Amino acid sequence: MLIYQCNKCEITKQLSKIVMKIIDNKVCHIGSECPKCGEYMQEVEKEFGGFPSLKRTEPTLSNRKDKLWGGVKDRLK
């Protein structure tokens, strides 16, 4: 979660996704505009939720190591 705060109005806003664009040679976070004054808010902090644990269950990955090792042994002969 990203937390943004307006420098003028002191309003805070939490965003989970942002889009970054370069406008007038400045990096702007689209969606982080202040609802009161319309200025872009400044990022205050990020909440870090940890790394996701992914399990790849594709059938092609089950014997991938065996196929790679077999190919290397054939090439080295």
N, C-alpha and C. Protein backbone atom coordinates (compact mmCIF):
# COMPACT_ATOMS: atom_id res chain seq x y z
N MET A 1 0.84 -1.17 0.00
CA MET A 1 0.00 0.00 0.00
C MET A 1 0.89 1.24 0.00
N LEU A 2 0.56 2.19 -0.82
CA LEU A 2 1.30 3.44 -0.89
C LEU A 2 0.48 4.53 -0.21
N ILE A 3 1.13 5.32 0.61
CA ILE A 3 0.44 6.40 1.31
C ILE A 3 0.98 7.73 0.80
N TYR A 4 0.09 8.58 0.32
CA TYR A 4 0.43 9.89 -0.22
C TYR A 4 -0.16 10.98 0.67
N GLN A 5 0.54 12.14 0.73
CA GLN A 5 0.07 13.26 1.53
C GLN A 5 0.24 14.54 0.73
N CYS A 6 -0.78 15.39 0.76
CA CYS A 6 -0.73 16.69 0.08
C CYS A 6 0.08 17.67 0.93
N ASN A 7 0.99 18.38 0.31
CA ASN A 7 1.81 19.34 1.04
C ASN A 7 1.03 20.59 1.45
N LYS A 8 -0.02 20.92 0.70
CA LYS A 8 -0.80 22.13 1.00
C LYS A 8 -1.95 21.84 1.96
N CYS A 9 -2.72 20.79 1.69
CA CYS A 9 -3.96 20.54 2.43
C CYS A 9 -3.80 19.54 3.58
N GLU A 10 -2.66 18.85 3.66
CA GLU A 10 -2.41 17.84 4.70
C GLU A 10 -3.39 16.66 4.62
N ILE A 11 -3.96 16.40 3.45
CA ILE A 11 -4.86 15.28 3.26
C ILE A 11 -4.01 14.06 2.90
N THR A 12 -4.31 12.90 3.46
CA THR A 12 -3.60 11.67 3.12
C THR A 12 -4.51 10.76 2.32
N LYS A 13 -3.88 9.92 1.48
CA LYS A 13 -4.62 9.04 0.60
C LYS A 13 -3.83 7.75 0.45
N GLN A 14 -4.51 6.60 0.50
CA GLN A 14 -3.87 5.30 0.33
C GLN A 14 -4.19 4.76 -1.05
N LEU A 15 -3.15 4.33 -1.76
CA LEU A 15 -3.32 3.76 -3.09
C LEU A 15 -2.61 2.42 -3.15
N SER A 16 -3.22 1.47 -3.86
CA SER A 16 -2.58 0.17 -4.00
C SER A 16 -1.87 0.05 -5.36
N LYS A 17 -2.32 0.81 -6.36
CA LYS A 17 -1.70 0.80 -7.68
C LYS A 17 -1.54 2.22 -8.16
N ILE A 18 -0.45 2.48 -8.89
CA ILE A 18 -0.24 3.81 -9.47
C ILE A 18 0.27 3.65 -10.89
N VAL A 19 0.13 4.71 -11.66
CA VAL A 19 0.69 4.79 -12.99
C VAL A 19 1.62 5.99 -12.98
N MET A 20 2.87 5.76 -13.38
CA MET A 20 3.85 6.85 -13.40
C MET A 20 3.96 7.39 -14.81
N LYS A 21 3.91 8.73 -14.94
CA LYS A 21 4.08 9.39 -16.23
C LYS A 21 5.02 10.57 -16.06
N ILE A 22 5.70 10.91 -17.15
CA ILE A 22 6.57 12.09 -17.13
C ILE A 22 5.79 13.24 -17.75
N ILE A 23 5.54 14.27 -16.95
CA ILE A 23 4.80 15.46 -17.38
C ILE A 23 5.67 16.66 -17.08
N ASP A 24 6.03 17.45 -18.08
CA ASP A 24 6.89 18.63 -17.94
C ASP A 24 8.21 18.27 -17.26
N ASN A 25 8.84 17.17 -17.70
CA ASN A 25 10.12 16.69 -17.18
C ASN A 25 10.08 16.35 -15.69
N LYS A 26 8.92 16.02 -15.17
CA LYS A 26 8.78 15.58 -13.79
C LYS A 26 8.01 14.27 -13.78
N VAL A 27 8.39 13.37 -12.88
CA VAL A 27 7.69 12.10 -12.75
C VAL A 27 6.45 12.33 -11.89
N CYS A 28 5.28 12.05 -12.44
CA CYS A 28 4.02 12.24 -11.73
C CYS A 28 3.34 10.89 -11.54
N HIS A 29 2.73 10.71 -10.41
CA HIS A 29 1.98 9.50 -10.11
C HIS A 29 0.51 9.78 -10.37
N ILE A 30 0.01 9.24 -11.48
CA ILE A 30 -1.38 9.47 -11.87
C ILE A 30 -2.28 8.77 -10.86
N GLY A 31 -3.27 9.46 -10.36
CA GLY A 31 -4.17 8.93 -9.35
C GLY A 31 -3.86 9.46 -7.97
N SER A 32 -2.72 10.17 -7.84
CA SER A 32 -2.36 10.71 -6.53
C SER A 32 -2.65 12.20 -6.43
N GLU A 33 -3.60 12.67 -7.23
CA GLU A 33 -3.96 14.09 -7.17
C GLU A 33 -4.79 14.35 -5.91
N CYS A 34 -4.59 15.51 -5.32
CA CYS A 34 -5.35 15.90 -4.13
C CYS A 34 -6.79 16.22 -4.54
N PRO A 35 -7.78 15.65 -3.85
CA PRO A 35 -9.17 15.93 -4.22
C PRO A 35 -9.59 17.38 -3.94
N LYS A 36 -8.87 18.06 -3.06
CA LYS A 36 -9.25 19.42 -2.69
C LYS A 36 -8.61 20.47 -3.60
N CYS A 37 -7.25 20.41 -3.77
CA CYS A 37 -6.57 21.45 -4.53
C CYS A 37 -6.12 21.00 -5.92
N GLY A 38 -6.10 19.70 -6.19
CA GLY A 38 -5.73 19.20 -7.50
C GLY A 38 -4.25 19.01 -7.74
N GLU A 39 -3.39 19.36 -6.78
CA GLU A 39 -1.94 19.17 -6.90
C GLU A 39 -1.60 17.70 -6.71
N TYR A 40 -0.45 17.27 -7.25
CA TYR A 40 0.00 15.90 -7.03
C TYR A 40 0.52 15.76 -5.60
N MET A 41 0.14 14.66 -4.97
CA MET A 41 0.56 14.42 -3.59
C MET A 41 1.95 13.81 -3.56
N GLN A 42 2.61 13.92 -2.41
CA GLN A 42 3.94 13.36 -2.23
C GLN A 42 3.83 12.02 -1.51
N GLU A 43 4.63 11.06 -1.95
CA GLU A 43 4.62 9.74 -1.33
C GLU A 43 5.27 9.82 0.05
N VAL A 44 4.55 9.37 1.07
CA VAL A 44 5.03 9.45 2.44
C VAL A 44 5.69 8.14 2.84
N GLU A 45 5.02 7.01 2.65
CA GLU A 45 5.58 5.73 3.06
C GLU A 45 4.95 4.60 2.26
N LYS A 46 5.63 3.47 2.32
CA LYS A 46 5.14 2.25 1.68
C LYS A 46 4.97 1.21 2.78
N GLU A 47 3.87 0.49 2.73
CA GLU A 47 3.69 -0.63 3.63
C GLU A 47 4.17 -1.87 2.90
N PHE A 48 5.15 -2.56 3.46
CA PHE A 48 5.73 -3.73 2.81
C PHE A 48 5.06 -4.96 3.37
N GLY A 49 4.40 -5.72 2.50
CA GLY A 49 3.67 -6.91 2.92
C GLY A 49 4.46 -8.20 2.78
N GLY A 50 5.72 -8.11 2.39
CA GLY A 50 6.54 -9.30 2.24
C GLY A 50 6.53 -9.80 0.81
N PHE A 51 7.29 -10.82 0.58
CA PHE A 51 7.38 -11.40 -0.74
C PHE A 51 6.32 -12.48 -0.92
N PRO A 52 5.71 -12.54 -2.08
CA PRO A 52 4.70 -13.59 -2.30
C PRO A 52 5.38 -14.95 -2.46
N SER A 53 4.69 -15.98 -2.08
CA SER A 53 5.22 -17.32 -2.30
C SER A 53 4.45 -17.93 -3.46
N LEU A 54 5.15 -18.19 -4.54
CA LEU A 54 4.53 -18.70 -5.75
C LEU A 54 4.95 -20.15 -5.95
N LYS A 55 4.01 -20.97 -6.32
CA LYS A 55 4.29 -22.36 -6.66
C LYS A 55 3.97 -22.53 -8.13
N ARG A 56 4.99 -22.90 -8.89
CA ARG A 56 4.79 -23.11 -10.32
C ARG A 56 4.38 -24.55 -10.52
N THR A 57 3.23 -24.76 -11.10
CA THR A 57 2.68 -26.11 -11.27
C THR A 57 2.56 -26.51 -12.73
N GLU A 58 3.31 -25.84 -13.58
CA GLU A 58 3.23 -26.17 -14.99
C GLU A 58 3.89 -27.52 -15.24
N PRO A 59 3.30 -28.38 -16.06
CA PRO A 59 3.86 -29.72 -16.27
C PRO A 59 5.23 -29.69 -16.95
N THR A 60 5.54 -28.64 -17.69
CA THR A 60 6.84 -28.58 -18.39
C THR A 60 7.98 -28.32 -17.42
N LEU A 61 7.72 -27.84 -16.23
CA LEU A 61 8.77 -27.53 -15.27
C LEU A 61 9.17 -28.72 -14.41
N SER A 62 8.39 -29.79 -14.41
CA SER A 62 8.64 -30.89 -13.49
C SER A 62 9.96 -31.60 -13.79
N ASN A 63 10.29 -31.81 -15.05
CA ASN A 63 11.52 -32.51 -15.40
C ASN A 63 12.49 -31.60 -16.13
N ARG A 64 12.42 -30.34 -15.90
CA ARG A 64 13.23 -29.39 -16.64
C ARG A 64 14.72 -29.60 -16.38
N LYS A 65 15.10 -29.85 -15.13
CA LYS A 65 16.51 -30.03 -14.81
C LYS A 65 17.07 -31.26 -15.50
N ASP A 66 16.29 -32.33 -15.56
CA ASP A 66 16.76 -33.55 -16.20
C ASP A 66 16.99 -33.33 -17.70
N LYS A 67 16.12 -32.60 -18.35
CA LYS A 67 16.26 -32.35 -19.77
C LYS A 67 17.49 -31.49 -20.06
N LEU A 68 17.73 -30.49 -19.22
CA LEU A 68 18.88 -29.63 -19.44
C LEU A 68 20.18 -30.40 -19.26
N TRP A 69 20.28 -31.22 -18.24
CA TRP A 69 21.49 -31.98 -17.98
C TRP A 69 21.74 -33.00 -19.08
N GLY A 70 20.70 -33.64 -19.57
CA GLY A 70 20.85 -34.59 -20.66
C GLY A 70 21.35 -33.93 -21.93
N GLY A 71 20.87 -32.75 -22.24
CA GLY A 71 21.32 -32.01 -23.41
C GLY A 71 22.77 -31.59 -23.32
N VAL A 72 23.22 -31.23 -22.13
CA VAL A 72 24.61 -30.82 -21.92
C VAL A 72 25.53 -32.03 -22.07
N LYS A 73 25.14 -33.16 -21.52
CA LYS A 73 25.97 -34.36 -21.62
C LYS A 73 26.13 -34.78 -23.08
N ASP A 74 25.09 -34.68 -23.88
CA ASP A 74 25.17 -35.06 -25.30
C ASP A 74 26.10 -34.12 -26.06
N ARG A 75 26.07 -32.84 -25.76
CA ARG A 75 26.90 -31.87 -26.46
C ARG A 75 28.37 -32.01 -26.10
N LEU A 76 28.68 -32.41 -24.88
CA LEU A 76 30.07 -32.52 -24.44
C LEU A 76 30.77 -33.77 -24.95
N LYS A 77 30.05 -34.73 -25.44
CA LYS A 77 30.68 -35.99 -25.91
C LYS A 77 31.43 -35.79 -27.18
